[in-house]
């Protein structure tokens, strides 16, 4: 029962996943594609243990834009963290995380 959410600039609202934002429920990482000036600020991860009914908030992580205009270069790769075997009851849903990185 762990789940991961992110808060932006100490807001009471969590960062919403959309076409640019993704929160891995496997690692807790927050991924942002095509960073925009409005994304600049502090991000704080909140980890919740549903069985213990407790949440822990991590330290803020700042996101800044580079002033030199240089983009980081990343080799293309596909991140896959599928378990060796996945079981599911008939009619239930299973979420498998797979996403591409690179430029």
PDB file of N, CA and C in Angstrom:
ATOM      1  N   UNK A   1       0.591  -1.206   0.000  1.00  0.00           N
ATOM      2  CA  UNK A   1       0.000   0.000   0.000  1.00  0.00           C
ATOM      3  C   UNK A   1       0.647   1.319   0.000  1.00  0.00           C
ATOM      4  N   UNK A   2       1.755   1.549  -0.710  1.00  0.00           N
ATOM      5  CA  UNK A   2       2.318   2.899  -0.824  1.00  0.00           C
ATOM      6  C   UNK A   2       1.786   3.588  -2.067  1.00  0.00           C
ATOM      7  N   UNK A   3       1.513   4.886  -1.949  1.00  0.00           N
ATOM      8  CA  UNK A   3       1.165   5.692  -3.119  1.00  0.00           C
ATOM      9  C   UNK A   3       1.955   6.996  -3.048  1.00  0.00           C
ATOM     10  N   UNK A   4       2.216   7.572  -4.201  1.00  0.00           N
ATOM     11  CA  UNK A   4       3.064   8.760  -4.313  1.00  0.00           C
ATOM     12  C   UNK A   4       2.286   9.886  -4.981  1.00  0.00           C
ATOM     13  N   UNK A   5       2.384  11.075  -4.406  1.00  0.00           N
ATOM     14  CA  UNK A   5       1.790  12.283  -4.974  1.00  0.00           C
ATOM     15  C   UNK A   5       2.820  13.402  -4.817  1.00  0.00           C
ATOM     16  N   UNK A   6       2.677  14.446  -5.617  1.00  0.00           N
ATOM     17  CA  UNK A   6       3.586  15.588  -5.544  1.00  0.00           C
ATOM     18  C   UNK A   6       2.794  16.870  -5.337  1.00  0.00           C
ATOM     19  N   UNK A   7       3.364  17.770  -4.522  1.00  0.00           N
ATOM     20  CA  UNK A   7       2.789  19.089  -4.268  1.00  0.00           C
ATOM     21  C   UNK A   7       3.692  20.121  -4.933  1.00  0.00           C
ATOM     22  N   UNK A   8       3.090  21.142  -5.538  1.00  0.00           N
ATOM     23  CA  UNK A   8       3.848  22.208  -6.207  1.00  0.00           C
ATOM     24  C   UNK A   8       3.731  23.485  -5.385  1.00  0.00           C
ATOM     25  N   UNK A   9       4.877  24.064  -4.993  1.00  0.00           N
ATOM     26  CA  UNK A   9       4.952  25.333  -4.255  1.00  0.00           C
ATOM     27  C   UNK A   9       4.064  25.356  -3.006  1.00  0.00           C
ATOM     28  N   UNK A  10       4.127  24.290  -2.208  1.00  0.00           N
ATOM     29  CA  UNK A  10       3.393  24.203  -0.936  1.00  0.00           C
ATOM     30  C   UNK A  10       1.887  24.377  -1.077  1.00  0.00           C
ATOM     31  N   UNK A  11       1.363  24.069  -2.248  1.00  0.00           N
ATOM     32  CA  UNK A  11      -0.081  24.143  -2.472  1.00  0.00           C
ATOM     33  C   UNK A  11      -0.779  23.041  -1.678  1.00  0.00           C
ATOM     34  N   UNK A  12      -2.063  23.201  -1.467  1.00  0.00           N
ATOM     35  CA  UNK A  12      -2.836  22.131  -0.835  1.00  0.00           C
ATOM     36  C   UNK A  12      -3.326  21.136  -1.889  1.00  0.00           C
ATOM     37  N   UNK A  13      -3.093  21.476  -3.165  1.00  0.00           N
ATOM     38  CA  UNK A  13      -3.514  20.595  -4.262  1.00  0.00           C
ATOM     39  C   UNK A  13      -2.330  19.803  -4.783  1.00  0.00           C
ATOM     40  N   UNK A  14      -2.578  18.557  -5.156  1.00  0.00           N
ATOM     41  CA  UNK A  14      -1.529  17.720  -5.727  1.00  0.00           C
ATOM     42  C   UNK A  14      -1.324  18.058  -7.198  1.00  0.00           C
ATOM     43  N   UNK A  15      -0.104  17.814  -7.706  1.00  0.00           N
ATOM     44  CA  UNK A  15       0.190  17.968  -9.133  1.00  0.00           C
ATOM     45  C   UNK A  15      -0.673  16.947  -9.878  1.00  0.00           C
ATOM     46  N   UNK A  16      -1.421  17.415 -10.856  1.00  0.00           N
ATOM     47  CA  UNK A  16      -2.304  16.540 -11.616  1.00  0.00           C
ATOM     48  C   UNK A  16      -1.555  15.945 -12.804  1.00  0.00           C
ATOM     49  N   UNK A  17      -1.705  14.647 -13.001  1.00  0.00           N
ATOM     50  CA  UNK A  17      -1.105  14.007 -14.168  1.00  0.00           C
ATOM     51  C   UNK A  17      -1.884  14.429 -15.409  1.00  0.00           C
ATOM     52  N   UNK A  18      -1.157  14.673 -16.486  1.00  0.00           N
ATOM     53  CA  UNK A  18      -1.767  15.037 -17.759  1.00  0.00           C
ATOM     54  C   UNK A  18      -0.829  14.591 -18.873  1.00  0.00           C
ATOM     55  N   UNK A  19      -0.926  15.198 -20.040  1.00  0.00           N
ATOM     56  CA  UNK A  19      -0.085  14.775 -21.167  1.00  0.00           C
ATOM     57  C   UNK A  19       1.393  15.121 -20.956  1.00  0.00           C
ATOM     58  N   UNK A  20       1.710  16.011 -20.003  1.00  0.00           N
ATOM     59  CA  UNK A  20       3.104  16.387 -19.740  1.00  0.00           C
ATOM     60  C   UNK A  20       3.635  15.869 -18.406  1.00  0.00           C
ATOM     61  N   UNK A  21       2.761  15.503 -17.476  1.00  0.00           N
ATOM     62  CA  UNK A  21       3.191  15.115 -16.132  1.00  0.00           C
ATOM     63  C   UNK A  21       2.792  13.678 -15.825  1.00  0.00           C
ATOM     64  N   UNK A  22       3.738  12.949 -15.228  1.00  0.00           N
ATOM     65  CA  UNK A  22       3.500  11.546 -14.883  1.00  0.00           C
ATOM     66  C   UNK A  22       4.169  11.242 -13.551  1.00  0.00           C
ATOM     67  N   UNK A  23       3.449  10.615 -12.635  1.00  0.00           N
ATOM     68  CA  UNK A  23       3.998  10.188 -11.344  1.00  0.00           C
ATOM     69  C   UNK A  23       4.053   8.669 -11.349  1.00  0.00           C
ATOM     70  N   UNK A  24       5.260   8.134 -11.259  1.00  0.00           N
ATOM     71  CA  UNK A  24       5.427   6.682 -11.220  1.00  0.00           C
ATOM     72  C   UNK A  24       4.982   6.163  -9.857  1.00  0.00           C
ATOM     73  N   UNK A  25       4.038   5.233  -9.852  1.00  0.00           N
ATOM     74  CA  UNK A  25       3.622   4.620  -8.592  1.00  0.00           C
ATOM     75  C   UNK A  25       4.548   3.466  -8.226  1.00  0.00           C
ATOM     76  N   UNK A  26       5.506   3.187  -9.094  1.00  0.00           N
ATOM     77  CA  UNK A  26       6.513   2.165  -8.821  1.00  0.00           C
ATOM     78  C   UNK A  26       7.707   2.776  -8.077  1.00  0.00           C
ATOM     79  N   UNK A  27       8.173   3.942  -8.548  1.00  0.00           N
ATOM     80  CA  UNK A  27       9.369   4.572  -7.964  1.00  0.00           C
ATOM     81  C   UNK A  27       9.068   5.855  -7.194  1.00  0.00           C
ATOM     82  N   UNK A  28       7.927   6.477  -7.439  1.00  0.00           N
ATOM     83  CA  UNK A  28       7.599   7.764  -6.829  1.00  0.00           C
ATOM     84  C   UNK A  28       8.114   8.944  -7.609  1.00  0.00           C
ATOM     85  N   UNK A  29       8.864   8.711  -8.692  1.00  0.00           N
ATOM     86  CA  UNK A  29       9.440   9.801  -9.484  1.00  0.00           C
ATOM     87  C   UNK A  29       8.358  10.606 -10.195  1.00  0.00           C
ATOM     88  N   UNK A  30       8.595  11.909 -10.294  1.00  0.00           N
ATOM     89  CA  UNK A  30       7.745  12.810 -11.072  1.00  0.00           C
ATOM     90  C   UNK A  30       8.479  13.124 -12.361  1.00  0.00           C
ATOM     91  N   UNK A  31       7.823  12.900 -13.483  1.00  0.00           N
ATOM     92  CA  UNK A  31       8.401  13.196 -14.797  1.00  0.00           C
ATOM     93  C   UNK A  31       7.593  14.314 -15.444  1.00  0.00           C
ATOM     94  N   UNK A  32       8.291  15.317 -15.993  1.00  0.00           N
ATOM     95  CA  UNK A  32       7.647  16.429 -16.692  1.00  0.00           C
ATOM     96  C   UNK A  32       8.254  16.530 -18.078  1.00  0.00           C
ATOM     97  N   UNK A  33       7.432  16.429 -19.097  1.00  0.00           N
ATOM     98  CA  UNK A  33       7.894  16.569 -20.481  1.00  0.00           C
ATOM     99  C   UNK A  33       7.701  18.019 -20.920  1.00  0.00           C
ATOM    100  N   UNK A  34       8.628  18.519 -21.722  1.00  0.00           N
ATOM    101  CA  UNK A  34       8.537  19.872 -22.267  1.00  0.00           C
ATOM    102  C   UNK A  34       8.292  20.894 -21.159  1.00  0.00           C
ATOM    103  N   UNK A  35       9.269  21.044 -20.291  1.00  0.00           N
ATOM    104  CA  UNK A  35       9.153  21.966 -19.157  1.00  0.00           C
ATOM    105  C   UNK A  35       8.884  23.381 -19.649  1.00  0.00           C
ATOM    106  N   UNK A  36       7.937  24.048 -18.994  1.00  0.00           N
ATOM    107  CA  UNK A  36       7.548  25.413 -19.331  1.00  0.00           C
ATOM    108  C   UNK A  36       7.883  26.330 -18.148  1.00  0.00           C
ATOM    109  N   UNK A  37       7.983  27.642 -18.384  1.00  0.00           N
ATOM    110  CA  UNK A  37       8.290  28.560 -17.279  1.00  0.00           C
ATOM    111  C   UNK A  37       7.326  28.413 -16.092  1.00  0.00           C
ATOM    112  N   UNK A  38       6.080  28.076 -16.349  1.00  0.00           N
ATOM    113  CA  UNK A  38       5.109  27.926 -15.253  1.00  0.00           C
ATOM    114  C   UNK A  38       5.399  26.702 -14.383  1.00  0.00           C
ATOM    115  N   UNK A  39       6.291  25.813 -14.833  1.00  0.00           N
ATOM    116  CA  UNK A  39       6.655  24.625 -14.049  1.00  0.00           C
ATOM    117  C   UNK A  39       7.730  24.925 -13.006  1.00  0.00           C
ATOM    118  N   UNK A  40       8.369  26.088 -13.106  1.00  0.00           N
ATOM    119  CA  UNK A  40       9.452  26.449 -12.192  1.00  0.00           C
ATOM    120  C   UNK A  40       8.897  26.640 -10.782  1.00  0.00           C
ATOM    121  N   UNK A  41       9.567  26.036  -9.818  1.00  0.00           N
ATOM    122  CA  UNK A  41       9.147  26.163  -8.421  1.00  0.00           C
ATOM    123  C   UNK A  41       9.653  24.988  -7.609  1.00  0.00           C
ATOM    124  N   UNK A  42       9.053  24.769  -6.461  1.00  0.00           N
ATOM    125  CA  UNK A  42       9.452  23.689  -5.574  1.00  0.00           C
ATOM    126  C   UNK A  42       8.419  22.559  -5.596  1.00  0.00           C
ATOM    127  N   UNK A  43       8.918  21.338  -5.740  1.00  0.00           N
ATOM    128  CA  UNK A  43       8.077  20.142  -5.757  1.00  0.00           C
ATOM    129  C   UNK A  43       8.384  19.307  -4.519  1.00  0.00           C
ATOM    130  N   UNK A  44       7.336  18.852  -3.851  1.00  0.00           N
ATOM    131  CA  UNK A  44       7.485  18.056  -2.638  1.00  0.00           C
ATOM    132  C   UNK A  44       6.714  16.755  -2.804  1.00  0.00           C
ATOM    133  N   UNK A  45       7.400  15.643  -2.543  1.00  0.00           N
ATOM    134  CA  UNK A  45       6.779  14.326  -2.664  1.00  0.00           C
ATOM    135  C   UNK A  45       6.074  13.966  -1.356  1.00  0.00           C
ATOM    136  N   UNK A  46       4.873  13.400  -1.485  1.00  0.00           N
ATOM    137  CA  UNK A  46       4.111  12.911  -0.344  1.00  0.00           C
ATOM    138  C   UNK A  46       3.888  11.422  -0.554  1.00  0.00           C
ATOM    139  N   UNK A  47       4.376  10.615   0.385  1.00  0.00           N
ATOM    140  CA  UNK A  47       4.222   9.166   0.317  1.00  0.00           C
ATOM    141  C   UNK A  47       3.162   8.767   1.336  1.00  0.00           C
ATOM    142  N   UNK A  48       2.159   8.010   0.881  1.00  0.00           N
ATOM    143  CA  UNK A  48       1.082   7.588   1.762  1.00  0.00           C
ATOM    144  C   UNK A  48       1.073   6.075   1.881  1.00  0.00           C
ATOM    145  N   UNK A  49       0.996   5.600   3.119  1.00  0.00           N
ATOM    146  CA  UNK A  49       0.829   4.172   3.397  1.00  0.00           C
ATOM    147  C   UNK A  49      -0.630   3.975   3.762  1.00  0.00           C
ATOM    148  N   UNK A  50      -1.401   3.389   2.851  1.00  0.00           N
ATOM    149  CA  UNK A  50      -2.837   3.255   3.069  1.00  0.00           C
ATOM    150  C   UNK A  50      -3.163   2.291   4.207  1.00  0.00           C
ATOM    151  N   UNK A  51      -2.334   1.277   4.417  1.00  0.00           N
ATOM    152  CA  UNK A  51      -2.595   0.317   5.494  1.00  0.00           C
ATOM    153  C   UNK A  51      -2.394   0.957   6.863  1.00  0.00           C
ATOM    154  N   UNK A  52      -1.352   1.774   6.997  1.00  0.00           N
ATOM    155  CA  UNK A  52      -1.080   2.455   8.266  1.00  0.00           C
ATOM    156  C   UNK A  52      -1.846   3.775   8.372  1.00  0.00           C
ATOM    157  N   UNK A  53      -2.468   4.189   7.273  1.00  0.00           N
ATOM    158  CA  UNK A  53      -3.200   5.456   7.208  1.00  0.00           C
ATOM    159  C   UNK A  53      -2.319   6.631   7.640  1.00  0.00           C
ATOM    160  N   UNK A  54      -1.085   6.645   7.101  1.00  0.00           N
ATOM    161  CA  UNK A  54      -0.140   7.718   7.414  1.00  0.00           C
ATOM    162  C   UNK A  54       0.511   8.229   6.135  1.00  0.00           C
ATOM    163  N   UNK A  55       0.851   9.514   6.155  1.00  0.00           N
ATOM    164  CA  UNK A  55       1.564  10.142   5.047  1.00  0.00           C
ATOM    165  C   UNK A  55       2.830  10.795   5.565  1.00  0.00           C
ATOM    166  N   UNK A  56       3.855  10.789   4.717  1.00  0.00           N
ATOM    167  CA  UNK A  56       5.129  11.441   5.035  1.00  0.00           C
ATOM    168  C   UNK A  56       5.461  12.362   3.880  1.00  0.00           C
ATOM    169  N   UNK A  57       5.874  13.576   4.214  1.00  0.00           N
ATOM    170  CA  UNK A  57       6.226  14.568   3.207  1.00  0.00           C
ATOM    171  C   UNK A  57       7.735  14.721   3.171  1.00  0.00           C
ATOM    172  N   UNK A  58       8.309  14.651   1.974  1.00  0.00           N
ATOM    173  CA  UNK A  58       9.750  14.812   1.812  1.00  0.00           C
ATOM    174  C   UNK A  58      10.141  16.270   1.738  1.00  0.00           C
ATOM    175  N   UNK A  59      11.448  16.530   1.562  1.00  0.00           N
ATOM    176  CA  UNK A  59      11.913  17.917   1.428  1.00  0.00           C
ATOM    177  C   UNK A  59      11.565  18.463   0.044  1.00  0.00           C
ATOM    178  N   UNK A  60      11.415  19.781  -0.086  1.00  0.00           N
ATOM    179  CA  UNK A  60      11.128  20.360  -1.403  1.00  0.00           C
ATOM    180  C   UNK A  60      12.308  20.192  -2.359  1.00  0.00           C
ATOM    181  N   UNK A  61      11.994  19.934  -3.611  1.00  0.00           N
ATOM    182  CA  UNK A  61      13.000  19.819  -4.661  1.00  0.00           C
ATOM    183  C   UNK A  61      12.766  20.946  -5.664  1.00  0.00           C
ATOM    184  N   UNK A  62      13.731  21.855  -5.836  1.00  0.00           N
ATOM    185  CA  UNK A  62      13.511  22.973  -6.752  1.00  0.00           C
ATOM    186  C   UNK A  62      13.684  22.565  -8.219  1.00  0.00           C
ATOM    187  N   UNK A  63      12.849  23.125  -9.064  1.00  0.00           N
ATOM    188  CA  UNK A  63      12.995  22.976 -10.510  1.00  0.00           C
ATOM    189  C   UNK A  63      13.265  24.368 -11.058  1.00  0.00           C
ATOM    190  N   UNK A  64      14.390  24.531 -11.754  1.00  0.00           N
ATOM    191  CA  UNK A  64      14.746  25.812 -12.356  1.00  0.00           C
ATOM    192  C   UNK A  64      14.983  25.611 -13.847  1.00  0.00           C
ATOM    193  N   UNK A  65      14.873  26.678 -14.602  1.00  0.00           N
ATOM    194  CA  UNK A  65      15.179  26.632 -16.033  1.00  0.00           C
ATOM    195  C   UNK A  65      16.623  27.048 -16.234  1.00  0.00           C
ATOM    196  N   UNK A  66      17.285  26.381 -17.154  1.00  0.00           N
ATOM    197  CA  UNK A  66      18.661  26.779 -17.471  1.00  0.00           C
ATOM    198  C   UNK A  66      18.635  28.108 -18.204  1.00  0.00           C
ATOM    199  N   UNK A  67      19.536  29.004 -17.827  1.00  0.00           N
ATOM    200  CA  UNK A  67      19.576  30.325 -18.458  1.00  0.00           C
ATOM    201  C   UNK A  67      20.387  30.319 -19.749  1.00  0.00           C
ATOM    202  N   UNK A  68      21.192  29.249 -19.974  1.00  0.00           N
ATOM    203  CA  UNK A  68      22.022  29.217 -21.184  1.00  0.00           C
ATOM    204  C   UNK A  68      21.286  28.640 -22.389  1.00  0.00           C
ATOM    205  N   UNK A  69      20.051  28.203 -22.196  1.00  0.00           N
ATOM    206  CA  UNK A  69      19.253  27.690 -23.309  1.00  0.00           C
ATOM    207  C   UNK A  69      19.659  26.319 -23.808  1.00  0.00           C
ATOM    208  N   UNK A  70      20.634  25.672 -23.143  1.00  0.00           N
ATOM    209  CA  UNK A  70      21.090  24.354 -23.581  1.00  0.00           C
ATOM    210  C   UNK A  70      20.199  23.280 -22.975  1.00  0.00           C
ATOM    211  N   UNK A  71      19.731  22.392 -23.831  1.00  0.00           N
ATOM    212  CA  UNK A  71      18.932  21.279 -23.344  1.00  0.00           C
ATOM    213  C   UNK A  71      19.833  20.099 -23.030  1.00  0.00           C
ATOM    214  N   UNK A  72      19.491  19.344 -22.021  1.00  0.00           N
ATOM    215  CA  UNK A  72      20.247  18.135 -21.714  1.00  0.00           C
ATOM    216  C   UNK A  72      20.056  17.108 -22.819  1.00  0.00           C
ATOM    217  N   UNK A  73      21.070  16.346 -23.089  1.00  0.00           N
ATOM    218  CA  UNK A  73      20.994  15.300 -24.106  1.00  0.00           C
ATOM    219  C   UNK A  73      20.829  13.953 -23.417  1.00  0.00           C
ATOM    220  N   UNK A  74      19.832  13.239 -23.806  1.00  0.00           N
ATOM    221  CA  UNK A  74      19.581  11.914 -23.252  1.00  0.00           C
ATOM    222  C   UNK A  74      19.410  10.940 -24.398  1.00  0.00           C
ATOM    223  N   UNK A  75      20.103   9.806 -24.284  1.00  0.00           N
ATOM    224  CA  UNK A  75      19.940   8.800 -25.321  1.00  0.00           C
ATOM    225  C   UNK A  75      18.519   8.242 -25.246  1.00  0.00           C
ATOM    226  N   UNK A  76      17.927   7.920 -26.384  1.00  0.00           N
ATOM    227  CA  UNK A  76      16.578   7.358 -26.365  1.00  0.00           C
ATOM    228  C   UNK A  76      16.568   6.028 -25.623  1.00  0.00           C
ATOM    229  N   UNK A  77      15.597   5.857 -24.751  1.00  0.00           N
ATOM    230  CA  UNK A  77      15.421   4.577 -24.084  1.00  0.00           C
ATOM    231  C   UNK A  77      13.979   4.471 -23.607  1.00  0.00           C
ATOM    232  N   UNK A  78      13.550   3.260 -23.437  1.00  0.00           N
ATOM    233  CA  UNK A  78      12.210   3.003 -22.928  1.00  0.00           C
ATOM    234  C   UNK A  78      12.358   2.394 -21.544  1.00  0.00           C
ATOM    235  N   UNK A  79      11.734   3.035 -20.556  1.00  0.00           N
ATOM    236  CA  UNK A  79      11.789   2.558 -19.177  1.00  0.00           C
ATOM    237  C   UNK A  79      10.638   1.585 -18.958  1.00  0.00           C
ATOM    238  N   UNK A  80      10.981   0.375 -18.600  1.00  0.00           N
ATOM    239  CA  UNK A  80       9.971  -0.649 -18.323  1.00  0.00           C
ATOM    240  C   UNK A  80      10.336  -1.316 -17.008  1.00  0.00           C
ATOM    241  N   UNK A  81       9.397  -1.385 -16.106  1.00  0.00           N
ATOM    242  CA  UNK A  81       9.625  -2.061 -14.830  1.00  0.00           C
ATOM    243  C   UNK A  81       8.477  -3.029 -14.576  1.00  0.00           C
ATOM    244  N   UNK A  82       8.289  -3.945 -15.495  1.00  0.00           N
ATOM    245  CA  UNK A  82       7.225  -4.918 -15.323  1.00  0.00           C
ATOM    246  C   UNK A  82       7.674  -6.007 -14.368  1.00  0.00           C
ATOM    247  N   UNK A  83       6.786  -6.446 -13.477  1.00  0.00           N
ATOM    248  CA  UNK A  83       7.132  -7.599 -12.649  1.00  0.00           C
ATOM    249  C   UNK A  83       7.253  -8.835 -13.529  1.00  0.00           C
ATOM    250  N   UNK A  84       8.008  -9.824 -13.057  1.00  0.00           N
ATOM    251  CA  UNK A  84       8.187 -11.045 -13.845  1.00  0.00           C
ATOM    252  C   UNK A  84       6.846 -11.705 -14.148  1.00  0.00           C
ATOM    253  N   UNK A  85       5.961 -11.722 -13.156  1.00  0.00           N
ATOM    254  CA  UNK A  85       4.618 -12.283 -13.335  1.00  0.00           C
ATOM    255  C   UNK A  85       3.608 -11.310 -12.739  1.00  0.00           C
ATOM    256  N   UNK A  86       2.538 -11.054 -13.463  1.00  0.00           N
ATOM    257  CA  UNK A  86       1.474 -10.186 -12.970  1.00  0.00           C
ATOM    258  C   UNK A  86       0.183 -10.982 -12.942  1.00  0.00           C
ATOM    259  N   UNK A  87      -0.454 -11.021 -11.791  1.00  0.00           N
ATOM    260  CA  UNK A  87      -1.721 -11.722 -11.644  1.00  0.00           C
ATOM    261  C   UNK A  87      -2.850 -10.715 -11.526  1.00  0.00           C
ATOM    262  N   UNK A  88      -3.978 -11.043 -12.110  1.00  0.00           N
ATOM    263  CA  UNK A  88      -5.150 -10.179 -12.008  1.00  0.00           C
ATOM    264  C   UNK A  88      -6.405 -11.033 -12.054  1.00  0.00           C
ATOM    265  N   UNK A  89      -7.386 -10.649 -11.276  1.00  0.00           N
ATOM    266  CA  UNK A  89      -8.672 -11.343 -11.304  1.00  0.00           C
ATOM    267  C   UNK A  89      -9.422 -10.923 -12.555  1.00  0.00           C
ATOM    268  N   UNK A  90     -10.182 -11.834 -13.103  1.00  0.00           N
ATOM    269  CA  UNK A  90     -10.972 -11.543 -14.296  1.00  0.00           C
ATOM    270  C   UNK A  90     -11.874 -10.341 -14.031  1.00  0.00           C
ATOM    271  N   UNK A  91     -11.859  -9.388 -14.950  1.00  0.00           N
ATOM    272  CA  UNK A  91     -12.673  -8.191 -14.826  1.00  0.00           C
ATOM    273  C   UNK A  91     -12.001  -7.050 -14.066  1.00  0.00           C
ATOM    274  N   UNK A  92     -10.819  -7.293 -13.485  1.00  0.00           N
ATOM    275  CA  UNK A  92     -10.112  -6.222 -12.768  1.00  0.00           C
ATOM    276  C   UNK A  92      -9.144  -5.517 -13.716  1.00  0.00           C
ATOM    277  N   UNK A  93      -8.579  -4.420 -13.252  1.00  0.00           N
ATOM    278  CA  UNK A  93      -7.630  -3.644 -14.060  1.00  0.00           C
ATOM    279  C   UNK A  93      -6.218  -3.800 -13.519  1.00  0.00           C
ATOM    280  N   UNK A  94      -5.247  -3.767 -14.425  1.00  0.00           N
ATOM    281  CA  UNK A  94      -3.837  -3.804 -14.070  1.00  0.00           C
ATOM    282  C   UNK A  94      -3.166  -2.634 -14.779  1.00  0.00           C
ATOM    283  N   UNK A  95      -2.327  -1.880 -14.050  1.00  0.00           N
ATOM    284  CA  UNK A  95      -1.616  -0.760 -14.654  1.00  0.00           C
ATOM    285  C   UNK A  95      -0.143  -1.120 -14.754  1.00  0.00           C
ATOM    286  N   UNK A  96       0.403  -1.091 -15.957  1.00  0.00           N
ATOM    287  CA  UNK A  96       1.816  -1.355 -16.206  1.00  0.00           C
ATOM    288  C   UNK A  96       2.453  -0.062 -16.687  1.00  0.00           C
ATOM    289  N   UNK A  97       3.568   0.329 -16.071  1.00  0.00           N
ATOM    290  CA  UNK A  97       4.226   1.575 -16.433  1.00  0.00           C
ATOM    291  C   UNK A  97       5.286   1.345 -17.494  1.00  0.00           C
ATOM    292  N   UNK A  98       5.199   2.116 -18.558  1.00  0.00           N
ATOM    293  CA  UNK A  98       6.178   2.072 -19.635  1.00  0.00           C
ATOM    294  C   UNK A  98       6.181   3.445 -20.283  1.00  0.00           C
ATOM    295  N   UNK A  99       7.344   4.097 -20.336  1.00  0.00           N
ATOM    296  CA  UNK A  99       7.384   5.401 -20.993  1.00  0.00           C
ATOM    297  C   UNK A  99       8.750   5.614 -21.609  1.00  0.00           C
ATOM    298  N   UNK A 100       8.793   6.501 -22.596  1.00  0.00           N
ATOM    299  CA  UNK A 100      10.016   6.739 -23.355  1.00  0.00           C
ATOM    300  C   UNK A 100      10.710   8.003 -22.878  1.00  0.00           C
ATOM    301  N   UNK A 101      12.041   7.959 -22.873  1.00  0.00           N
ATOM    302  CA  UNK A 101      12.874   9.111 -22.543  1.00  0.00           C
ATOM    303  C   UNK A 101      13.801   9.375 -23.721  1.00  0.00           C
ATOM    304  N   UNK A 102      14.258  10.589 -23.856  1.00  0.00           N
ATOM    305  CA  UNK A 102      15.253  10.861 -24.880  1.00  0.00           C
ATOM    306  C   UNK A 102      14.952  12.107 -25.674  1.00  0.00           C
ATOM    307  N   UNK A 103      15.900  12.410 -26.533  1.00  0.00           N
ATOM    308  CA  UNK A 103      15.758  13.596 -27.375  1.00  0.00           C
ATOM    309  C   UNK A 103      16.158  13.229 -28.779  1.00  0.00           C
TER     310      UNK A 103
END
